[in-house]
Amino acid sequence: MSRNKMHIRRGDIVKAISGEDADGKKTGKVLRVYPAQNRALVEGFNFVTKHLRKSQDHPNGAIVQREAPMAASKLKVVTPAKKAEKD
C-alpha cells in the first residue's frame, strides 16, 4: 500500500484558495494531516456545528463550533513549518 504524498505538513501556515474560508487574508496553522483521506485540520478554518447530548459536563446539552478537516487541495502553503519555527 502506498502513502499519499501531501504538499502540506503539520505546522505549516496555509490559506484557503477556494470555499467558504477563501477570503484571501485569512491564514491558519495546520494542526493535523490525514494523508489517507487527503485532508488537513487547520486552526480557524472549516467550522462545523456539533450538538452535544446531556452529560455531567453539559447538564442541558450544548451546541458548539469545532474545526473539521478540510480537503488539502483547497489549501495553499504560505509559510512552510521549518521557516515558521525560525520566525
PDB file of N, CA and C in Angstrom:
ATOM      1  N   MET A   1       0.843  -1.163   0.000  1.00  0.00           N
ATOM      2  CA  MET A   1       0.000   0.000   0.000  1.00  0.00           C
ATOM      3  C   MET A   1       0.898   1.240   0.000  1.00  0.00           C
ATOM      4  N   SER A   2       0.666   2.157  -0.922  1.00  0.00           N
ATOM      5  CA  SER A   2       1.484   3.360  -0.996  1.00  0.00           C
ATOM      6  C   SER A   2       0.845   4.492  -0.201  1.00  0.00           C
ATOM      7  N   ARG A   3       1.683   5.361   0.320  1.00  0.00           N
ATOM      8  CA  ARG A   3       1.194   6.506   1.091  1.00  0.00           C
ATOM      9  C   ARG A   3       0.981   7.684   0.163  1.00  0.00           C
ATOM     10  N   ASN A   4      -0.047   8.460   0.444  1.00  0.00           N
ATOM     11  CA  ASN A   4      -0.299   9.662  -0.336  1.00  0.00           C
ATOM     12  C   ASN A   4       0.688  10.737   0.080  1.00  0.00           C
ATOM     13  N   LYS A   5       1.324  11.368  -0.902  1.00  0.00           N
ATOM     14  CA  LYS A   5       2.236  12.461  -0.615  1.00  0.00           C
ATOM     15  C   LYS A   5       1.434  13.752  -0.620  1.00  0.00           C
ATOM     16  N   MET A   6       1.611  14.542   0.428  1.00  0.00           N
ATOM     17  CA  MET A   6       0.852  15.783   0.540  1.00  0.00           C
ATOM     18  C   MET A   6       1.800  16.976   0.492  1.00  0.00           C
ATOM     19  N   HIS A   7       1.308  18.078  -0.030  1.00  0.00           N
ATOM     20  CA  HIS A   7       2.127  19.282  -0.159  1.00  0.00           C
ATOM     21  C   HIS A   7       2.141  20.119   1.114  1.00  0.00           C
ATOM     22  N   ILE A   8       1.381  19.714   2.120  1.00  0.00           N
ATOM     23  CA  ILE A   8       1.371  20.435   3.387  1.00  0.00           C
ATOM     24  C   ILE A   8       1.781  19.503   4.513  1.00  0.00           C
ATOM     25  N   ARG A   9       2.339  20.103   5.567  1.00  0.00           N
ATOM     26  CA  ARG A   9       2.765  19.341   6.734  1.00  0.00           C
ATOM     27  C   ARG A   9       2.247  20.013   7.991  1.00  0.00           C
ATOM     28  N   ARG A  10       2.282  19.285   9.076  1.00  0.00           N
ATOM     29  CA  ARG A  10       1.861  19.852  10.357  1.00  0.00           C
ATOM     30  C   ARG A  10       2.775  21.026  10.707  1.00  0.00           C
ATOM     31  N   GLY A  11       2.190  22.136  11.100  1.00  0.00           N
ATOM     32  CA  GLY A  11       2.962  23.322  11.462  1.00  0.00           C
ATOM     33  C   GLY A  11       3.045  24.363  10.361  1.00  0.00           C
ATOM     34  N   ASP A  12       2.710  23.996   9.118  1.00  0.00           N
ATOM     35  CA  ASP A  12       2.715  24.964   8.014  1.00  0.00           C
ATOM     36  C   ASP A  12       1.656  26.038   8.248  1.00  0.00           C
ATOM     37  N   ILE A  13       1.927  27.239   7.760  1.00  0.00           N
ATOM     38  CA  ILE A  13       0.931  28.302   7.739  1.00  0.00           C
ATOM     39  C   ILE A  13       0.315  28.268   6.343  1.00  0.00           C
ATOM     40  N   VAL A  14      -1.015  28.120   6.268  1.00  0.00           N
ATOM     41  CA  VAL A  14      -1.703  27.965   4.985  1.00  0.00           C
ATOM     42  C   VAL A  14      -2.851  28.957   4.876  1.00  0.00           C
ATOM     43  N   LYS A  15      -3.349  29.108   3.647  1.00  0.00           N
ATOM     44  CA  LYS A  15      -4.582  29.860   3.436  1.00  0.00           C
ATOM     45  C   LYS A  15      -5.446  29.083   2.458  1.00  0.00           C
ATOM     46  N   ALA A  16      -6.749  29.285   2.549  1.00  0.00           N
ATOM     47  CA  ALA A  16      -7.698  28.584   1.690  1.00  0.00           C
ATOM     48  C   ALA A  16      -7.757  29.286   0.342  1.00  0.00           C
ATOM     49  N   ILE A  17      -7.774  28.504  -0.738  1.00  0.00           N
ATOM     50  CA  ILE A  17      -7.846  29.090  -2.077  1.00  0.00           C
ATOM     51  C   ILE A  17      -9.230  28.946  -2.685  1.00  0.00           C
ATOM     52  N   SER A  18     -10.098  28.151  -2.050  1.00  0.00           N
ATOM     53  CA  SER A  18     -11.481  28.053  -2.511  1.00  0.00           C
ATOM     54  C   SER A  18     -12.358  27.660  -1.341  1.00  0.00           C
ATOM     55  N   GLY A  19     -13.637  27.902  -1.496  1.00  0.00           N
ATOM     56  CA  GLY A  19     -14.579  27.543  -0.448  1.00  0.00           C
ATOM     57  C   GLY A  19     -14.961  28.722   0.422  1.00  0.00           C
ATOM     58  N   GLU A  20     -15.631  28.417   1.508  1.00  0.00           N
ATOM     59  CA  GLU A  20     -16.189  29.427   2.401  1.00  0.00           C
ATOM     60  C   GLU A  20     -15.122  30.293   3.074  1.00  0.00           C
ATOM     61  N   ASP A  21     -13.957  29.730   3.363  1.00  0.00           N
ATOM     62  CA  ASP A  21     -12.903  30.449   4.086  1.00  0.00           C
ATOM     63  C   ASP A  21     -11.895  31.141   3.176  1.00  0.00           C
ATOM     64  N   ALA A  22     -12.161  31.207   1.889  1.00  0.00           N
ATOM     65  CA  ALA A  22     -11.197  31.766   0.937  1.00  0.00           C
ATOM     66  C   ALA A  22     -11.422  33.252   0.725  1.00  0.00           C
ATOM     67  N   ASP A  23     -11.078  34.057   1.728  1.00  0.00           N
ATOM     68  CA  ASP A  23     -11.211  35.500   1.554  1.00  0.00           C
ATOM     69  C   ASP A  23      -9.890  36.142   1.144  1.00  0.00           C
ATOM     70  N   GLY A  24      -8.800  35.382   1.134  1.00  0.00           N
ATOM     71  CA  GLY A  24      -7.512  35.887   0.690  1.00  0.00           C
ATOM     72  C   GLY A  24      -6.653  36.470   1.792  1.00  0.00           C
ATOM     73  N   LYS A  25      -7.236  36.842   2.920  1.00  0.00           N
ATOM     74  CA  LYS A  25      -6.486  37.468   4.004  1.00  0.00           C
ATOM     75  C   LYS A  25      -6.265  36.522   5.173  1.00  0.00           C
ATOM     76  N   LYS A  26      -7.110  35.545   5.315  1.00  0.00           N
ATOM     77  CA  LYS A  26      -7.116  34.665   6.478  1.00  0.00           C
ATOM     78  C   LYS A  26      -6.089  33.543   6.318  1.00  0.00           C
ATOM     79  N   THR A  27      -5.248  33.355   7.337  1.00  0.00           N
ATOM     80  CA  THR A  27      -4.292  32.254   7.342  1.00  0.00           C
ATOM     81  C   THR A  27      -4.483  31.446   8.618  1.00  0.00           C
ATOM     82  N   GLY A  28      -4.025  30.208   8.587  1.00  0.00           N
ATOM     83  CA  GLY A  28      -4.138  29.344   9.754  1.00  0.00           C
ATOM     84  C   GLY A  28      -3.013  28.330   9.789  1.00  0.00           C
ATOM     85  N   LYS A  29      -2.772  27.777  10.950  1.00  0.00           N
ATOM     86  CA  LYS A  29      -1.717  26.791  11.152  1.00  0.00           C
ATOM     87  C   LYS A  29      -2.300  25.390  11.018  1.00  0.00           C
ATOM     88  N   VAL A  30      -1.591  24.510  10.322  1.00  0.00           N
ATOM     89  CA  VAL A  30      -2.029  23.121  10.156  1.00  0.00           C
ATOM     90  C   VAL A  30      -1.790  22.390  11.475  1.00  0.00           C
ATOM     91  N   LEU A  31      -2.869  21.881  12.067  1.00  0.00           N
ATOM     92  CA  LEU A  31      -2.785  21.180  13.345  1.00  0.00           C
ATOM     93  C   LEU A  31      -2.551  19.685  13.165  1.00  0.00           C
ATOM     94  N   ARG A  32      -3.158  19.105  12.131  1.00  0.00           N
ATOM     95  CA  ARG A  32      -3.043  17.670  11.888  1.00  0.00           C
ATOM     96  C   ARG A  32      -3.279  17.387  10.418  1.00  0.00           C
ATOM     97  N   VAL A  33      -2.609  16.364   9.893  1.00  0.00           N
ATOM     98  CA  VAL A  33      -2.736  15.983   8.487  1.00  0.00           C
ATOM     99  C   VAL A  33      -3.235  14.547   8.416  1.00  0.00           C
ATOM    100  N   TYR A  34      -4.195  14.295   7.520  1.00  0.00           N
ATOM    101  CA  TYR A  34      -4.761  12.965   7.298  1.00  0.00           C
ATOM    102  C   TYR A  34      -4.456  12.552   5.854  1.00  0.00           C
ATOM    103  N   PRO A  35      -3.288  11.940   5.593  1.00  0.00           N
ATOM    104  CA  PRO A  35      -2.912  11.610   4.209  1.00  0.00           C
ATOM    105  C   PRO A  35      -3.841  10.605   3.541  1.00  0.00           C
ATOM    106  N   ALA A  36      -4.384   9.657   4.286  1.00  0.00           N
ATOM    107  CA  ALA A  36      -5.254   8.641   3.688  1.00  0.00           C
ATOM    108  C   ALA A  36      -6.518   9.267   3.104  1.00  0.00           C
ATOM    109  N   GLN A  37      -7.023  10.314   3.746  1.00  0.00           N
ATOM    110  CA  GLN A  37      -8.223  10.995   3.256  1.00  0.00           C
ATOM    111  C   GLN A  37      -7.887  12.246   2.449  1.00  0.00           C
ATOM    112  N   ASN A  38      -6.604  12.600   2.354  1.00  0.00           N
ATOM    113  CA  ASN A  38      -6.138  13.807   1.661  1.00  0.00           C
ATOM    114  C   ASN A  38      -6.795  15.055   2.262  1.00  0.00           C
ATOM    115  N   ARG A  39      -6.801  15.121   3.598  1.00  0.00           N
ATOM    116  CA  ARG A  39      -7.427  16.231   4.319  1.00  0.00           C
ATOM    117  C   ARG A  39      -6.474  16.749   5.390  1.00  0.00           C
ATOM    118  N   ALA A  40      -6.748  17.962   5.868  1.00  0.00           N
ATOM    119  CA  ALA A  40      -5.940  18.565   6.924  1.00  0.00           C
ATOM    120  C   ALA A  40      -6.836  19.360   7.865  1.00  0.00           C
ATOM    121  N   LEU A  41      -6.469  19.375   9.130  1.00  0.00           N
ATOM    122  CA  LEU A  41      -7.173  20.157  10.143  1.00  0.00           C
ATOM    123  C   LEU A  41      -6.405  21.459  10.320  1.00  0.00           C
ATOM    124  N   VAL A  42      -7.064  22.584  10.050  1.00  0.00           N
ATOM    125  CA  VAL A  42      -6.417  23.894  10.083  1.00  0.00           C
ATOM    126  C   VAL A  42      -7.078  24.751  11.153  1.00  0.00           C
ATOM    127  N   GLU A  43      -6.247  25.416  11.940  1.00  0.00           N
ATOM    128  CA  GLU A  43      -6.722  26.268  13.027  1.00  0.00           C
ATOM    129  C   GLU A  43      -7.508  27.456  12.470  1.00  0.00           C
ATOM    130  N   GLY A  44      -8.771  27.570  12.875  1.00  0.00           N
ATOM    131  CA  GLY A  44      -9.600  28.704  12.476  1.00  0.00           C
ATOM    132  C   GLY A  44     -10.336  28.542  11.158  1.00  0.00           C
ATOM    133  N   PHE A  45     -10.289  27.362  10.541  1.00  0.00           N
ATOM    134  CA  PHE A  45     -10.940  27.129   9.253  1.00  0.00           C
ATOM    135  C   PHE A  45     -11.979  26.022   9.376  1.00  0.00           C
ATOM    136  N   ASN A  46     -12.988  26.049   8.517  1.00  0.00           N
ATOM    137  CA  ASN A  46     -13.961  24.977   8.333  1.00  0.00           C
ATOM    138  C   ASN A  46     -14.661  24.585   9.635  1.00  0.00           C
ATOM    139  N   PHE A  47     -15.348  25.533  10.242  1.00  0.00           N
ATOM    140  CA  PHE A  47     -16.077  25.257  11.472  1.00  0.00           C
ATOM    141  C   PHE A  47     -17.370  24.514  11.168  1.00  0.00           C
ATOM    142  N   VAL A  48     -17.675  23.525  12.016  1.00  0.00           N
ATOM    143  CA  VAL A  48     -18.931  22.791  11.934  1.00  0.00           C
ATOM    144  C   VAL A  48     -19.629  22.908  13.286  1.00  0.00           C
ATOM    145  N   THR A  49     -20.948  22.807  13.274  1.00  0.00           N
ATOM    146  CA  THR A  49     -21.731  22.883  14.499  1.00  0.00           C
ATOM    147  C   THR A  49     -21.988  21.475  15.015  1.00  0.00           C
ATOM    148  N   LYS A  50     -21.610  21.232  16.266  1.00  0.00           N
ATOM    149  CA  LYS A  50     -21.829  19.937  16.901  1.00  0.00           C
ATOM    150  C   LYS A  50     -22.860  20.110  18.008  1.00  0.00           C
ATOM    151  N   HIS A  51     -23.830  19.211  18.059  1.00  0.00           N
ATOM    152  CA  HIS A  51     -24.835  19.207  19.118  1.00  0.00           C
ATOM    153  C   HIS A  51     -24.435  18.132  20.121  1.00  0.00           C
ATOM    154  N   LEU A  52     -24.202  18.538  21.362  1.00  0.00           N
ATOM    155  CA  LEU A  52     -23.790  17.605  22.402  1.00  0.00           C
ATOM    156  C   LEU A  52     -24.991  17.210  23.253  1.00  0.00           C
ATOM    157  N   ARG A  53     -25.082  15.925  23.555  1.00  0.00           N
ATOM    158  CA  ARG A  53     -26.185  15.456  24.381  1.00  0.00           C
ATOM    159  C   ARG A  53     -25.918  15.785  25.844  1.00  0.00           C
ATOM    160  N   LYS A  54     -26.904  15.631  26.668  1.00  0.00           N
ATOM    161  CA  LYS A  54     -26.773  15.915  28.093  1.00  0.00           C
ATOM    162  C   LYS A  54     -25.718  15.009  28.707  1.00  0.00           C
ATOM    163  N   SER A  55     -24.903  15.586  29.586  1.00  0.00           N
ATOM    164  CA  SER A  55     -23.887  14.828  30.304  1.00  0.00           C
ATOM    165  C   SER A  55     -23.574  15.571  31.599  1.00  0.00           C
ATOM    166  N   GLN A  56     -22.647  15.043  32.376  1.00  0.00           N
ATOM    167  CA  GLN A  56     -22.272  15.728  33.609  1.00  0.00           C
ATOM    168  C   GLN A  56     -21.579  17.054  33.303  1.00  0.00           C
ATOM    169  N   ASP A  57     -20.817  17.099  32.221  1.00  0.00           N
ATOM    170  CA  ASP A  57     -20.146  18.343  31.829  1.00  0.00           C
ATOM    171  C   ASP A  57     -21.138  19.375  31.307  1.00  0.00           C
ATOM    172  N   HIS A  58     -22.155  18.929  30.578  1.00  0.00           N
ATOM    173  CA  HIS A  58     -23.167  19.810  29.984  1.00  0.00           C
ATOM    174  C   HIS A  58     -24.553  19.303  30.395  1.00  0.00           C
ATOM    175  N   PRO A  59     -25.053  19.729  31.570  1.00  0.00           N
ATOM    176  CA  PRO A  59     -26.330  19.203  32.065  1.00  0.00           C
ATOM    177  C   PRO A  59     -27.515  19.479  31.142  1.00  0.00           C
ATOM    178  N   ASN A  60     -27.477  20.548  30.372  1.00  0.00           N
ATOM    179  CA  ASN A  60     -28.579  20.869  29.462  1.00  0.00           C
ATOM    180  C   ASN A  60     -28.247  20.559  28.008  1.00  0.00           C
ATOM    181  N   GLY A  61     -27.107  19.917  27.772  1.00  0.00           N
ATOM    182  CA  GLY A  61     -26.659  19.731  26.407  1.00  0.00           C
ATOM    183  C   GLY A  61     -25.984  21.008  25.935  1.00  0.00           C
ATOM    184  N   ALA A  62     -25.481  21.014  24.712  1.00  0.00           N
ATOM    185  CA  ALA A  62     -24.812  22.216  24.213  1.00  0.00           C
ATOM    186  C   ALA A  62     -24.696  22.162  22.701  1.00  0.00           C
ATOM    187  N   ILE A  63     -24.515  23.322  22.128  1.00  0.00           N
ATOM    188  CA  ILE A  63     -24.208  23.448  20.707  1.00  0.00           C
ATOM    189  C   ILE A  63     -22.860  24.147  20.632  1.00  0.00           C
ATOM    190  N   VAL A  64     -21.859  23.480  20.042  1.00  0.00           N
ATOM    191  CA  VAL A  64     -20.507  24.033  19.985  1.00  0.00           C
ATOM    192  C   VAL A  64     -20.018  24.093  18.542  1.00  0.00           C
ATOM    193  N   GLN A  65     -19.091  24.996  18.292  1.00  0.00           N
ATOM    194  CA  GLN A  65     -18.441  25.121  16.983  1.00  0.00           C
ATOM    195  C   GLN A  65     -17.070  24.456  17.083  1.00  0.00           C
ATOM    196  N   ARG A  66     -16.756  23.567  16.151  1.00  0.00           N
ATOM    197  CA  ARG A  66     -15.464  22.880  16.127  1.00  0.00           C
ATOM    198  C   ARG A  66     -14.878  22.948  14.729  1.00  0.00           C
ATOM    199  N   GLU A  67     -13.547  22.858  14.667  1.00  0.00           N
ATOM    200  CA  GLU A  67     -12.876  22.809  13.375  1.00  0.00           C
ATOM    201  C   GLU A  67     -12.946  21.383  12.846  1.00  0.00           C
ATOM    202  N   ALA A  68     -13.203  21.255  11.559  1.00  0.00           N
ATOM    203  CA  ALA A  68     -13.264  19.946  10.920  1.00  0.00           C
ATOM    204  C   ALA A  68     -12.174  19.880   9.851  1.00  0.00           C
ATOM    205  N   PRO A  69     -11.680  18.682   9.535  1.00  0.00           N
ATOM    206  CA  PRO A  69     -10.682  18.570   8.476  1.00  0.00           C
ATOM    207  C   PRO A  69     -11.248  19.050   7.144  1.00  0.00           C
ATOM    208  N   MET A  70     -10.395  19.693   6.339  1.00  0.00           N
ATOM    209  CA  MET A  70     -10.824  20.150   5.021  1.00  0.00           C
ATOM    210  C   MET A  70      -9.892  19.576   3.969  1.00  0.00           C
ATOM    211  N   ALA A  71     -10.337  19.559   2.733  1.00  0.00           N
ATOM    212  CA  ALA A  71      -9.576  18.970   1.638  1.00  0.00           C
ATOM    213  C   ALA A  71      -8.252  19.708   1.454  1.00  0.00           C
ATOM    214  N   ALA A  72      -7.177  18.950   1.315  1.00  0.00           N
ATOM    215  CA  ALA A  72      -5.852  19.546   1.150  1.00  0.00           C
ATOM    216  C   ALA A  72      -5.734  20.286  -0.177  1.00  0.00           C
ATOM    217  N   SER A  73      -6.545  19.914  -1.165  1.00  0.00           N
ATOM    218  CA  SER A  73      -6.488  20.585  -2.462  1.00  0.00           C
ATOM    219  C   SER A  73      -7.005  22.016  -2.388  1.00  0.00           C
ATOM    220  N   LYS A  74      -7.701  22.367  -1.313  1.00  0.00           N
ATOM    221  CA  LYS A  74      -8.218  23.726  -1.141  1.00  0.00           C
ATOM    222  C   LYS A  74      -7.264  24.612  -0.352  1.00  0.00           C
ATOM    223  N   LEU A  75      -6.067  24.104  -0.019  1.00  0.00           N
ATOM    224  CA  LEU A  75      -5.116  24.841   0.806  1.00  0.00           C
ATOM    225  C   LEU A  75      -3.851  25.180   0.034  1.00  0.00           C
ATOM    226  N   LYS A  76      -3.302  26.349   0.327  1.00  0.00           N
ATOM    227  CA  LYS A  76      -2.054  26.805  -0.279  1.00  0.00           C
ATOM    228  C   LYS A  76      -1.086  27.158   0.841  1.00  0.00           C
ATOM    229  N   VAL A  77       0.161  26.674   0.740  1.00  0.00           N
ATOM    230  CA  VAL A  77       1.160  26.941   1.770  1.00  0.00           C
ATOM    231  C   VAL A  77       1.637  28.384   1.647  1.00  0.00           C
ATOM    232  N   VAL A  78       1.572  29.118   2.757  1.00  0.00           N
ATOM    233  CA  VAL A  78       2.081  30.487   2.807  1.00  0.00           C
ATOM    234  C   VAL A  78       3.488  30.475   3.385  1.00  0.00           C
ATOM    235  N   THR A  79       3.679  29.779   4.514  1.00  0.00           N
ATOM    236  CA  THR A  79       4.981  29.651   5.161  1.00  0.00           C
ATOM    237  C   THR A  79       5.178  28.200   5.573  1.00  0.00           C
ATOM    238  N   PRO A  80       6.229  27.529   5.067  1.00  0.00           N
ATOM    239  CA  PRO A  80       6.491  26.150   5.482  1.00  0.00           C
ATOM    240  C   PRO A  80       6.805  26.070   6.979  1.00  0.00           C
ATOM    241  N   ALA A  81       6.651  24.895   7.559  1.00  0.00           N
ATOM    242  CA  ALA A  81       6.824  24.698   9.002  1.00  0.00           C
ATOM    243  C   ALA A  81       8.237  25.051   9.457  1.00  0.00           C
ATOM    244  N   LYS A  82       9.251  24.725   8.674  1.00  0.00           N
ATOM    245  CA  LYS A  82      10.630  24.996   9.084  1.00  0.00           C
ATOM    246  C   LYS A  82      10.884  26.495   9.199  1.00  0.00           C
ATOM    247  N   LYS A  83      10.346  27.285   8.276  1.00  0.00           N
ATOM    248  CA  LYS A  83      10.518  28.733   8.348  1.00  0.00           C
ATOM    249  C   LYS A  83       9.666  29.330   9.453  1.00  0.00           C
ATOM    250  N   ALA A  84       8.495  28.769   9.699  1.00  0.00           N
ATOM    251  CA  ALA A  84       7.605  29.281  10.742  1.00  0.00           C
ATOM    252  C   ALA A  84       8.240  29.113  12.122  1.00  0.00           C
ATOM    253  N   GLU A  85       9.017  28.040  12.329  1.00  0.00           N
ATOM    254  CA  GLU A  85       9.680  27.819  13.610  1.00  0.00           C
ATOM    255  C   GLU A  85      10.774  28.845  13.853  1.00  0.00           C
ATOM    256  N   LYS A  86      11.498  29.255  12.806  1.00  0.00           N
ATOM    257  CA  LYS A  86      12.598  30.209  12.941  1.00  0.00           C
ATOM    258  C   LYS A  86      12.101  31.606  13.274  1.00  0.00           C
ATOM    259  N   ASP A  87      10.925  31.979  12.747  1.00  0.00           N
ATOM    260  CA  ASP A  87      10.409  33.344  12.954  1.00  0.00           C
ATOM    261  C   ASP A  87       9.893  33.583  14.326  1.00  0.00           C
TER     262      ASP A  87
END
